[in-house]
PDB file of N, CA and C in Angstrom:
ATOM      1  N   UNK A   1      67.079   6.062  -8.010  1.00  0.00           N
ATOM      2  CA  UNK A   1      66.576   5.961  -6.666  1.00  0.00           C
ATOM      3  C   UNK A   1      65.080   6.157  -6.556  1.00  0.00           C
ATOM      4  N   UNK A   2      64.468   7.075  -7.283  1.00  0.00           N
ATOM      5  CA  UNK A   2      63.037   7.277  -7.128  1.00  0.00           C
ATOM      6  C   UNK A   2      62.251   6.006  -7.421  1.00  0.00           C
ATOM      7  N   UNK A   3      62.768   5.148  -8.286  1.00  0.00           N
ATOM      8  CA  UNK A   3      62.037   3.942  -8.635  1.00  0.00           C
ATOM      9  C   UNK A   3      61.911   2.997  -7.437  1.00  0.00           C
ATOM     10  N   UNK A   4      62.944   2.873  -6.625  1.00  0.00           N
ATOM     11  CA  UNK A   4      62.887   1.985  -5.465  1.00  0.00           C
ATOM     12  C   UNK A   4      61.937   2.545  -4.407  1.00  0.00           C
ATOM     13  N   UNK A   5      61.903   3.863  -4.301  1.00  0.00           N
ATOM     14  CA  UNK A   5      60.985   4.474  -3.343  1.00  0.00           C
ATOM     15  C   UNK A   5      59.536   4.222  -3.788  1.00  0.00           C
ATOM     16  N   UNK A   6      59.288   4.323  -5.081  1.00  0.00           N
ATOM     17  CA  UNK A   6      57.954   4.077  -5.615  1.00  0.00           C
ATOM     18  C   UNK A   6      57.557   2.614  -5.418  1.00  0.00           C
ATOM     19  N   UNK A   7      58.482   1.705  -5.604  1.00  0.00           N
ATOM     20  CA  UNK A   7      58.209   0.280  -5.413  1.00  0.00           C
ATOM     21  C   UNK A   7      57.903  -0.003  -3.951  1.00  0.00           C
ATOM     22  N   UNK A   8      58.664   0.617  -3.066  1.00  0.00           N
ATOM     23  CA  UNK A   8      58.422   0.380  -1.643  1.00  0.00           C
ATOM     24  C   UNK A   8      57.044   0.912  -1.222  1.00  0.00           C
ATOM     25  N   UNK A   9      56.620   2.003  -1.820  1.00  0.00           N
ATOM     26  CA  UNK A   9      55.292   2.535  -1.507  1.00  0.00           C
ATOM     27  C   UNK A   9      54.217   1.558  -1.986  1.00  0.00           C
ATOM     28  N   UNK A  10      54.382   1.022  -3.196  1.00  0.00           N
ATOM     29  CA  UNK A  10      53.415   0.069  -3.719  1.00  0.00           C
ATOM     30  C   UNK A  10      53.383  -1.209  -2.881  1.00  0.00           C
ATOM     31  N   UNK A  11      54.503  -1.661  -2.433  1.00  0.00           N
ATOM     32  CA  UNK A  11      54.555  -2.856  -1.589  1.00  0.00           C
ATOM     33  C   UNK A  11      53.812  -2.595  -0.279  1.00  0.00           C
ATOM     34  N   UNK A  12      54.029  -1.420   0.279  1.00  0.00           N
ATOM     35  CA  UNK A  12      53.345  -1.064   1.522  1.00  0.00           C
ATOM     36  C   UNK A  12      51.838  -1.004   1.300  1.00  0.00           C
ATOM     37  N   UNK A  13      51.416  -0.420   0.185  1.00  0.00           N
ATOM     38  CA  UNK A  13      49.990  -0.328  -0.118  1.00  0.00           C
ATOM     39  C   UNK A  13      49.403  -1.720  -0.296  1.00  0.00           C
ATOM     40  N   UNK A  14      50.099  -2.590  -1.029  1.00  0.00           N
ATOM     41  CA  UNK A  14      49.596  -3.943  -1.250  1.00  0.00           C
ATOM     42  C   UNK A  14      49.516  -4.728   0.046  1.00  0.00           C
ATOM     43  N   UNK A  15      50.522  -4.614   0.891  1.00  0.00           N
ATOM     44  CA  UNK A  15      50.498  -5.316   2.173  1.00  0.00           C
ATOM     45  C   UNK A  15      49.379  -4.775   3.056  1.00  0.00           C
ATOM     46  N   UNK A  16      49.170  -3.480   3.017  1.00  0.00           N
ATOM     47  CA  UNK A  16      48.093  -2.865   3.802  1.00  0.00           C
ATOM     48  C   UNK A  16      46.730  -3.337   3.357  1.00  0.00           C
ATOM     49  N   UNK A  17      46.508  -3.444   2.035  1.00  0.00           N
ATOM     50  CA  UNK A  17      45.213  -3.913   1.546  1.00  0.00           C
ATOM     51  C   UNK A  17      45.019  -5.389   1.856  1.00  0.00           C
ATOM     52  N   UNK A  18      46.073  -6.177   1.816  1.00  0.00           N
ATOM     53  CA  UNK A  18      45.967  -7.583   2.202  1.00  0.00           C
ATOM     54  C   UNK A  18      45.570  -7.707   3.655  1.00  0.00           C
ATOM     55  N   UNK A  19      46.161  -6.861   4.492  1.00  0.00           N
ATOM     56  CA  UNK A  19      45.853  -6.888   5.917  1.00  0.00           C
ATOM     57  C   UNK A  19      44.384  -6.513   6.137  1.00  0.00           C
ATOM     58  N   UNK A  20      43.910  -5.490   5.418  1.00  0.00           N
ATOM     59  CA  UNK A  20      42.510  -5.085   5.541  1.00  0.00           C
ATOM     60  C   UNK A  20      41.569  -6.165   5.012  1.00  0.00           C
ATOM     61  N   UNK A  21      41.943  -6.809   3.925  1.00  0.00           N
ATOM     62  CA  UNK A  21      41.106  -7.851   3.350  1.00  0.00           C
ATOM     63  C   UNK A  21      41.008  -9.050   4.285  1.00  0.00           C
ATOM     64  N   UNK A  22      42.059  -9.322   5.037  1.00  0.00           N
ATOM     65  CA  UNK A  22      42.008 -10.456   5.954  1.00  0.00           C
ATOM     66  C   UNK A  22      41.159 -10.139   7.182  1.00  0.00           C
ATOM     67  N   UNK A  23      41.000  -8.872   7.539  1.00  0.00           N
ATOM     68  CA  UNK A  23      40.193  -8.491   8.692  1.00  0.00           C
ATOM     69  C   UNK A  23      38.735  -8.287   8.290  1.00  0.00           C
ATOM     70  N   UNK A  24      38.470  -7.827   7.097  1.00  0.00           N
ATOM     71  CA  UNK A  24      37.113  -7.465   6.671  1.00  0.00           C
ATOM     72  C   UNK A  24      36.111  -8.611   6.819  1.00  0.00           C
ATOM     73  N   UNK A  25      36.408  -9.863   6.440  1.00  0.00           N
ATOM     74  CA  UNK A  25      35.405 -10.916   6.628  1.00  0.00           C
ATOM     75  C   UNK A  25      35.046 -11.121   8.100  1.00  0.00           C
ATOM     76  N   UNK A  26      35.985 -10.941   8.999  1.00  0.00           N
ATOM     77  CA  UNK A  26      35.694 -11.112  10.419  1.00  0.00           C
ATOM     78  C   UNK A  26      34.754 -10.018  10.912  1.00  0.00           C
ATOM     79  N   UNK A  27      34.808  -8.850  10.327  1.00  0.00           N
ATOM     80  CA  UNK A  27      33.930  -7.777  10.733  1.00  0.00           C
ATOM     81  C   UNK A  27      32.494  -8.019  10.267  1.00  0.00           C
ATOM     82  N   UNK A  28      32.310  -8.810   9.211  1.00  0.00           N
ATOM     83  CA  UNK A  28      30.990  -9.060   8.660  1.00  0.00           C
ATOM     84  C   UNK A  28      30.245 -10.173   9.401  1.00  0.00           C
ATOM     85  N   UNK A  29      30.911 -10.920  10.264  1.00  0.00           N
ATOM     86  CA  UNK A  29      30.271 -12.011  10.975  1.00  0.00           C
ATOM     87  C   UNK A  29      29.389 -11.479  12.104  1.00  0.00           C
ATOM     88  N   UNK A  30      28.303 -12.193  12.418  1.00  0.00           N
ATOM     89  CA  UNK A  30      27.466 -11.753  13.537  1.00  0.00           C
ATOM     90  C   UNK A  30      28.171 -12.013  14.867  1.00  0.00           C
ATOM     91  N   UNK A  31      27.735 -11.382  15.920  1.00  0.00           N
ATOM     92  CA  UNK A  31      28.356 -11.624  17.222  1.00  0.00           C
ATOM     93  C   UNK A  31      28.171 -13.074  17.648  1.00  0.00           C
ATOM     94  N   UNK A  32      29.106 -13.622  18.405  1.00  0.00           N
ATOM     95  CA  UNK A  32      29.027 -15.043  18.772  1.00  0.00           C
ATOM     96  C   UNK A  32      27.812 -15.392  19.632  1.00  0.00           C
ATOM     97  N   UNK A  33      27.245 -14.432  20.370  1.00  0.00           N
ATOM     98  CA  UNK A  33      26.088 -14.747  21.213  1.00  0.00           C
ATOM     99  C   UNK A  33      24.791 -14.854  20.418  1.00  0.00           C
ATOM    100  N   UNK A  34      24.769 -14.433  19.141  1.00  0.00           N
ATOM    101  CA  UNK A  34      23.579 -14.575  18.301  1.00  0.00           C
ATOM    102  C   UNK A  34      23.404 -16.033  17.891  1.00  0.00           C
ATOM    103  N   UNK A  35      22.174 -16.541  18.069  1.00  0.00           N
ATOM    104  CA  UNK A  35      21.891 -17.913  17.666  1.00  0.00           C
ATOM    105  C   UNK A  35      21.444 -17.918  16.207  1.00  0.00           C
ATOM    106  N   UNK A  36      21.824 -18.923  15.434  1.00  0.00           N
ATOM    107  CA  UNK A  36      21.358 -19.007  14.048  1.00  0.00           C
ATOM    108  C   UNK A  36      19.833 -19.163  13.992  1.00  0.00           C
ATOM    109  N   UNK A  37      19.248 -18.717  12.904  1.00  0.00           N
ATOM    110  CA  UNK A  37      17.798 -18.744  12.748  1.00  0.00           C
ATOM    111  C   UNK A  37      17.258 -20.169  12.778  1.00  0.00           C
ATOM    112  N   UNK A  38      18.020 -21.126  12.257  1.00  0.00           N
ATOM    113  CA  UNK A  38      17.575 -22.515  12.231  1.00  0.00           C
ATOM    114  C   UNK A  38      17.398 -23.051  13.646  1.00  0.00           C
ATOM    115  N   UNK A  39      18.266 -22.653  14.554  1.00  0.00           N
ATOM    116  CA  UNK A  39      18.151 -23.106  15.943  1.00  0.00           C
ATOM    117  C   UNK A  39      17.001 -22.386  16.627  1.00  0.00           C
ATOM    118  N   UNK A  40      16.824 -21.116  16.351  1.00  0.00           N
ATOM    119  CA  UNK A  40      15.742 -20.365  16.981  1.00  0.00           C
ATOM    120  C   UNK A  40      14.379 -20.877  16.558  1.00  0.00           C
ATOM    121  N   UNK A  41      14.251 -21.378  15.337  1.00  0.00           N
ATOM    122  CA  UNK A  41      12.961 -21.901  14.876  1.00  0.00           C
ATOM    123  C   UNK A  41      12.559 -23.157  15.625  1.00  0.00           C
ATOM    124  N   UNK A  42      13.536 -23.953  16.082  1.00  0.00           N
ATOM    125  CA  UNK A  42      13.219 -25.210  16.745  1.00  0.00           C
ATOM    126  C   UNK A  42      13.032 -25.056  18.248  1.00  0.00           C
ATOM    127  N   UNK A  43      13.316 -23.887  18.806  1.00  0.00           N
ATOM    128  CA  UNK A  43      13.167 -23.684  20.240  1.00  0.00           C
ATOM    129  C   UNK A  43      11.694 -23.575  20.617  1.00  0.00           C
ATOM    130  N   UNK A  44      11.368 -24.102  21.774  1.00  0.00           N
ATOM    131  CA  UNK A  44      10.012 -24.006  22.298  1.00  0.00           C
ATOM    132  C   UNK A  44       9.944 -22.747  23.142  1.00  0.00           C
ATOM    133  N   UNK A  45       8.994 -21.885  22.842  1.00  0.00           N
ATOM    134  CA  UNK A  45       8.862 -20.628  23.561  1.00  0.00           C
ATOM    135  C   UNK A  45       8.049 -20.886  24.824  1.00  0.00           C
ATOM    136  N   UNK A  46       8.624 -20.578  25.971  1.00  0.00           N
ATOM    137  CA  UNK A  46       7.935 -20.818  27.237  1.00  0.00           C
ATOM    138  C   UNK A  46       7.469 -19.525  27.893  1.00  0.00           C
ATOM    139  N   UNK A  47       7.809 -18.399  27.346  1.00  0.00           N
ATOM    140  CA  UNK A  47       7.344 -17.136  27.885  1.00  0.00           C
ATOM    141  C   UNK A  47       6.971 -16.217  26.730  1.00  0.00           C
ATOM    142  N   UNK A  48       6.048 -15.337  27.011  1.00  0.00           N
ATOM    143  CA  UNK A  48       5.576 -14.440  25.952  1.00  0.00           C
ATOM    144  C   UNK A  48       5.211 -13.101  26.569  1.00  0.00           C
ATOM    145  N   UNK A  49       4.823 -12.168  25.715  1.00  0.00           N
ATOM    146  CA  UNK A  49       4.384 -10.852  26.182  1.00  0.00           C
ATOM    147  C   UNK A  49       2.934 -10.651  25.767  1.00  0.00           C
ATOM    148  N   UNK A  50       2.226  -9.965  26.611  1.00  0.00           N
ATOM    149  CA  UNK A  50       0.818  -9.698  26.358  1.00  0.00           C
ATOM    150  C   UNK A  50       0.686  -8.748  25.167  1.00  0.00           C
ATOM    151  N   UNK A  51      -0.208  -9.051  24.214  1.00  0.00           N
ATOM    152  CA  UNK A  51      -0.412  -8.120  23.097  1.00  0.00           C
ATOM    153  C   UNK A  51      -1.158  -6.861  23.527  1.00  0.00           C
ATOM    154  N   UNK A  52      -1.762  -6.887  24.703  1.00  0.00           N
ATOM    155  CA  UNK A  52      -2.526  -5.733  25.171  1.00  0.00           C
ATOM    156  C   UNK A  52      -1.653  -4.679  25.834  1.00  0.00           C
ATOM    157  N   UNK A  53      -0.800  -5.118  26.789  1.00  0.00           N
ATOM    158  CA  UNK A  53      -0.001  -4.142  27.532  1.00  0.00           C
ATOM    159  C   UNK A  53       1.491  -4.437  27.543  1.00  0.00           C
ATOM    160  N   UNK A  54       1.933  -5.532  26.938  1.00  0.00           N
ATOM    161  CA  UNK A  54       3.360  -5.826  26.827  1.00  0.00           C
ATOM    162  C   UNK A  54       3.970  -6.448  28.062  1.00  0.00           C
ATOM    163  N   UNK A  55       3.171  -6.832  29.047  1.00  0.00           N
ATOM    164  CA  UNK A  55       3.709  -7.453  30.262  1.00  0.00           C
ATOM    165  C   UNK A  55       4.111  -8.894  29.971  1.00  0.00           C
ATOM    166  N   UNK A  56       5.158  -9.399  30.638  1.00  0.00           N
ATOM    167  CA  UNK A  56       5.555 -10.801  30.438  1.00  0.00           C
ATOM    168  C   UNK A  56       4.480 -11.761  30.957  1.00  0.00           C
ATOM    169  N   UNK A  57       4.248 -12.829  30.217  1.00  0.00           N
ATOM    170  CA  UNK A  57       3.262 -13.842  30.587  1.00  0.00           C
ATOM    171  C   UNK A  57       3.879 -15.223  30.491  1.00  0.00           C
ATOM    172  N   UNK A  58       3.340 -16.169  31.236  1.00  0.00           N
ATOM    173  CA  UNK A  58       3.739 -17.560  31.065  1.00  0.00           C
ATOM    174  C   UNK A  58       3.019 -18.115  29.849  1.00  0.00           C
ATOM    175  N   UNK A  59       3.418 -19.306  29.417  1.00  0.00           N
ATOM    176  CA  UNK A  59       2.794 -19.901  28.233  1.00  0.00           C
ATOM    177  C   UNK A  59       1.316 -20.180  28.487  1.00  0.00           C
ATOM    178  N   UNK A  60       0.969 -20.635  29.711  1.00  0.00           N
ATOM    179  CA  UNK A  60      -0.435 -20.936  30.014  1.00  0.00           C
ATOM    180  C   UNK A  60      -1.277 -19.656  30.029  1.00  0.00           C
ATOM    181  N   UNK A  61      -0.748 -18.598  30.640  1.00  0.00           N
ATOM    182  CA  UNK A  61      -1.479 -17.332  30.686  1.00  0.00           C
ATOM    183  C   UNK A  61      -1.640 -16.747  29.288  1.00  0.00           C
ATOM    184  N   UNK A  62      -0.620 -16.901  28.447  1.00  0.00           N
ATOM    185  CA  UNK A  62      -0.694 -16.396  27.076  1.00  0.00           C
ATOM    186  C   UNK A  62      -1.763 -17.156  26.284  1.00  0.00           C
ATOM    187  N   UNK A  63      -1.806 -18.483  26.442  1.00  0.00           N
ATOM    188  CA  UNK A  63      -2.808 -19.286  25.736  1.00  0.00           C
ATOM    189  C   UNK A  63      -4.213 -18.908  26.195  1.00  0.00           C
ATOM    190  N   UNK A  64      -4.385 -18.677  27.510  1.00  0.00           N
ATOM    191  CA  UNK A  64      -5.682 -18.283  28.037  1.00  0.00           C
ATOM    192  C   UNK A  64      -6.102 -16.917  27.480  1.00  0.00           C
ATOM    193  N   UNK A  65      -5.169 -15.983  27.428  1.00  0.00           N
ATOM    194  CA  UNK A  65      -5.471 -14.654  26.890  1.00  0.00           C
ATOM    195  C   UNK A  65      -5.841 -14.727  25.410  1.00  0.00           C
ATOM    196  N   UNK A  66      -5.125 -15.557  24.657  1.00  0.00           N
ATOM    197  CA  UNK A  66      -5.446 -15.723  23.235  1.00  0.00           C
ATOM    198  C   UNK A  66      -6.838 -16.312  23.058  1.00  0.00           C
ATOM    199  N   UNK A  67      -7.219 -17.268  23.917  1.00  0.00           N
ATOM    200  CA  UNK A  67      -8.552 -17.864  23.828  1.00  0.00           C
ATOM    201  C   UNK A  67      -9.624 -16.815  24.139  1.00  0.00           C
ATOM    202  N   UNK A  68      -9.370 -15.965  25.149  1.00  0.00           N
ATOM    203  CA  UNK A  68     -10.323 -14.911  25.477  1.00  0.00           C
ATOM    204  C   UNK A  68     -10.475 -13.910  24.326  1.00  0.00           C
ATOM    205  N   UNK A  69      -9.337 -13.534  23.716  1.00  0.00           N
ATOM    206  CA  UNK A  69      -9.393 -12.587  22.602  1.00  0.00           C
ATOM    207  C   UNK A  69     -10.114 -13.193  21.405  1.00  0.00           C
ATOM    208  N   UNK A  70      -9.894 -14.485  21.161  1.00  0.00           N
ATOM    209  CA  UNK A  70     -10.557 -15.156  20.041  1.00  0.00           C
ATOM    210  C   UNK A  70     -12.058 -15.228  20.281  1.00  0.00           C
ATOM    211  N   UNK A  71     -12.467 -15.501  21.523  1.00  0.00           N
ATOM    212  CA  UNK A  71     -13.891 -15.563  21.837  1.00  0.00           C
ATOM    213  C   UNK A  71     -14.532 -14.179  21.670  1.00  0.00           C
ATOM    214  N   UNK A  72     -13.796 -13.155  22.011  1.00  0.00           N
ATOM    215  CA  UNK A  72     -14.312 -11.797  21.869  1.00  0.00           C
ATOM    216  C   UNK A  72     -14.477 -11.428  20.396  1.00  0.00           C
ATOM    217  N   UNK A  73     -13.585 -11.936  19.542  1.00  0.00           N
ATOM    218  CA  UNK A  73     -13.658 -11.631  18.109  1.00  0.00           C
ATOM    219  C   UNK A  73     -14.837 -12.337  17.447  1.00  0.00           C
ATOM    220  N   UNK A  74     -15.230 -13.491  18.000  1.00  0.00           N
ATOM    221  CA  UNK A  74     -16.285 -14.268  17.354  1.00  0.00           C
ATOM    222  C   UNK A  74     -17.665 -13.658  17.554  1.00  0.00           C
ATOM    223  N   UNK A  75     -17.819 -12.823  18.538  1.00  0.00           N
ATOM    224  CA  UNK A  75     -19.119 -12.169  18.719  1.00  0.00           C
ATOM    225  C   UNK A  75     -19.270 -11.096  17.649  1.00  0.00           C
ATOM    226  N   UNK A  76     -20.395 -11.137  16.967  1.00  0.00           N
ATOM    227  CA  UNK A  76     -20.620 -10.170  15.890  1.00  0.00           C
ATOM    228  C   UNK A  76     -21.514  -9.051  16.398  1.00  0.00           C
ATOM    229  N   UNK A  77     -21.135  -7.885  16.098  1.00  0.00           N
ATOM    230  CA  UNK A  77     -21.939  -6.722  16.477  1.00  0.00           C
ATOM    231  C   UNK A  77     -22.948  -6.450  15.371  1.00  0.00           C
ATOM    232  N   UNK A  78     -24.159  -6.133  15.753  1.00  0.00           N
ATOM    233  CA  UNK A  78     -25.184  -5.812  14.766  1.00  0.00           C
ATOM    234  C   UNK A  78     -25.101  -4.322  14.441  1.00  0.00           C
ATOM    235  N   UNK A  79     -25.242  -4.040  13.187  1.00  0.00           N
ATOM    236  CA  UNK A  79     -25.150  -2.670  12.718  1.00  0.00           C
ATOM    237  C   UNK A  79     -26.519  -2.237  12.201  1.00  0.00           C
ATOM    238  N   UNK A  80     -26.875  -1.028  12.481  1.00  0.00           N
ATOM    239  CA  UNK A  80     -28.127  -0.468  12.017  1.00  0.00           C
ATOM    240  C   UNK A  80     -28.194  -0.605  10.485  1.00  0.00           C
ATOM    241  N   UNK A  81     -29.294  -1.151   9.929  1.00  0.00           N
ATOM    242  CA  UNK A  81     -29.376  -1.336   8.470  1.00  0.00           C
ATOM    243  C   UNK A  81     -29.219  -0.033   7.688  1.00  0.00           C
ATOM    244  N   UNK A  82     -29.729   1.068   8.206  1.00  0.00           N
ATOM    245  CA  UNK A  82     -29.579   2.355   7.522  1.00  0.00           C
ATOM    246  C   UNK A  82     -28.119   2.783   7.463  1.00  0.00           C
ATOM    247  N   UNK A  83     -27.397   2.565   8.564  1.00  0.00           N
ATOM    248  CA  UNK A  83     -25.978   2.898   8.605  1.00  0.00           C
ATOM    249  C   UNK A  83     -25.179   1.982   7.683  1.00  0.00           C
ATOM    250  N   UNK A  84     -25.545   0.710   7.656  1.00  0.00           N
ATOM    251  CA  UNK A  84     -24.868  -0.248   6.764  1.00  0.00           C
ATOM    252  C   UNK A  84     -25.054   0.168   5.300  1.00  0.00           C
ATOM    253  N   UNK A  85     -26.271   0.595   4.936  1.00  0.00           N
ATOM    254  CA  UNK A  85     -26.544   1.044   3.563  1.00  0.00           C
ATOM    255  C   UNK A  85     -25.745   2.297   3.229  1.00  0.00           C
ATOM    256  N   UNK A  86     -25.657   3.217   4.193  1.00  0.00           N
ATOM    257  CA  UNK A  86     -24.896   4.444   3.985  1.00  0.00           C
ATOM    258  C   UNK A  86     -23.413   4.149   3.751  1.00  0.00           C
ATOM    259  N   UNK A  87     -22.850   3.231   4.525  1.00  0.00           N
ATOM    260  CA  UNK A  87     -21.444   2.856   4.351  1.00  0.00           C
ATOM    261  C   UNK A  87     -21.229   2.224   2.986  1.00  0.00           C
ATOM    262  N   UNK A  88     -22.169   1.370   2.561  1.00  0.00           N
ATOM    263  CA  UNK A  88     -22.068   0.745   1.235  1.00  0.00           C
ATOM    264  C   UNK A  88     -22.107   1.802   0.136  1.00  0.00           C
ATOM    265  N   UNK A  89     -22.996   2.779   0.249  1.00  0.00           N
ATOM    266  CA  UNK A  89     -23.083   3.831  -0.765  1.00  0.00           C
ATOM    267  C   UNK A  89     -21.817   4.696  -0.803  1.00  0.00           C
ATOM    268  N   UNK A  90     -21.249   4.971   0.350  1.00  0.00           N
ATOM    269  CA  UNK A  90     -20.002   5.754   0.392  1.00  0.00           C
ATOM    270  C   UNK A  90     -18.870   4.987  -0.289  1.00  0.00           C
ATOM    271  N   UNK A  91     -18.785   3.684  -0.010  1.00  0.00           N
ATOM    272  CA  UNK A  91     -17.739   2.865  -0.658  1.00  0.00           C
ATOM    273  C   UNK A  91     -17.953   2.806  -2.170  1.00  0.00           C
ATOM    274  N   UNK A  92     -19.206   2.676  -2.586  1.00  0.00           N
ATOM    275  CA  UNK A  92     -19.513   2.650  -4.016  1.00  0.00           C
ATOM    276  C   UNK A  92     -19.125   3.970  -4.670  1.00  0.00           C
ATOM    277  N   UNK A  93     -19.448   5.077  -3.997  1.00  0.00           N
ATOM    278  CA  UNK A  93     -19.090   6.403  -4.522  1.00  0.00           C
ATOM    279  C   UNK A  93     -17.580   6.570  -4.640  1.00  0.00           C
ATOM    280  N   UNK A  94     -16.834   6.098  -3.639  1.00  0.00           N
ATOM    281  CA  UNK A  94     -15.367   6.189  -3.701  1.00  0.00           C
ATOM    282  C   UNK A  94     -14.815   5.362  -4.859  1.00  0.00           C
ATOM    283  N   UNK A  95     -15.415   4.185  -5.062  1.00  0.00           N
ATOM    284  CA  UNK A  95     -14.968   3.347  -6.176  1.00  0.00           C
ATOM    285  C   UNK A  95     -15.243   3.995  -7.523  1.00  0.00           C
ATOM    286  N   UNK A  96     -16.449   4.569  -7.667  1.00  0.00           N
ATOM    287  CA  UNK A  96     -16.782   5.253  -8.921  1.00  0.00           C
ATOM    288  C   UNK A  96     -15.910   6.488  -9.133  1.00  0.00           C
ATOM    289  N   UNK A  97     -15.611   7.201  -8.055  1.00  0.00           N
ATOM    290  CA  UNK A  97     -14.778   8.397  -8.178  1.00  0.00           C
ATOM    291  C   UNK A  97     -13.359   8.033  -8.622  1.00  0.00           C
ATOM    292  N   UNK A  98     -12.856   6.876  -8.193  1.00  0.00           N
ATOM    293  CA  UNK A  98     -11.507   6.490  -8.622  1.00  0.00           C
ATOM    294  C   UNK A  98     -11.481   6.101 -10.101  1.00  0.00           C
ATOM    295  N   UNK A  99     -12.610   5.568 -10.618  1.00  0.00           N
ATOM    296  CA  UNK A  99     -12.670   5.189 -12.032  1.00  0.00           C
ATOM    297  C   UNK A  99     -13.050   6.379 -12.903  1.00  0.00           C
ATOM    298  N   UNK A 100     -14.047   7.145 -12.454  1.00  0.00           N
ATOM    299  CA  UNK A 100     -14.525   8.308 -13.198  1.00  0.00           C
ATOM    300  C   UNK A 100     -14.420   9.564 -12.329  1.00  0.00           C
ATOM    301  N   UNK A 101     -13.255  10.152 -12.196  1.00  0.00           N
ATOM    302  CA  UNK A 101     -13.099  11.299 -11.303  1.00  0.00           C
ATOM    303  C   UNK A 101     -13.843  12.548 -11.777  1.00  0.00           C
ATOM    304  N   UNK A 102     -14.153  12.622 -13.041  1.00  0.00           N
ATOM    305  CA  UNK A 102     -14.786  13.838 -13.574  1.00  0.00           C
ATOM    306  C   UNK A 102     -16.322  13.805 -13.441  1.00  0.00           C
ATOM    307  N   UNK A 103     -16.931  12.634 -13.140  1.00  0.00           N
ATOM    308  CA  UNK A 103     -18.391  12.543 -13.067  1.00  0.00           C
ATOM    309  C   UNK A 103     -18.946  13.050 -11.742  1.00  0.00           C
ATOM    310  N   UNK A 104     -18.354  12.665 -10.655  1.00  0.00           N
ATOM    311  CA  UNK A 104     -18.898  13.013  -9.327  1.00  0.00           C
ATOM    312  C   UNK A 104     -18.129  14.183  -8.739  1.00  0.00           C
ATOM    313  N   UNK A 105     -18.767  15.299  -8.635  1.00  0.00           N
ATOM    314  CA  UNK A 105     -18.136  16.483  -8.042  1.00  0.00           C
ATOM    315  C   UNK A 105     -18.995  17.017  -6.952  1.00  0.00           C
TER     316      UNK A 105
END
């Protein structure tokens, strides 16, 4: 008798694992409302968020803001030559210290 009880336990275990294996792939799928990446790449974005404060913008307002930011980036600030030389020397010192840590103390 113990042999039939052992067989029935194994059958139950095997059926249980089959049941779990049939459910497991369904759990790995993304939710149905998620769009595939290939479709998202082809969509035209008509609204955006401001990089400055995160407020929603229309496409025209976003393009205008990007143009303003780009124009602001193109203006070059002049730096005092003495300060520029000091920054260069500090960078040079840091570079030498990383190569020769025992020389500069």
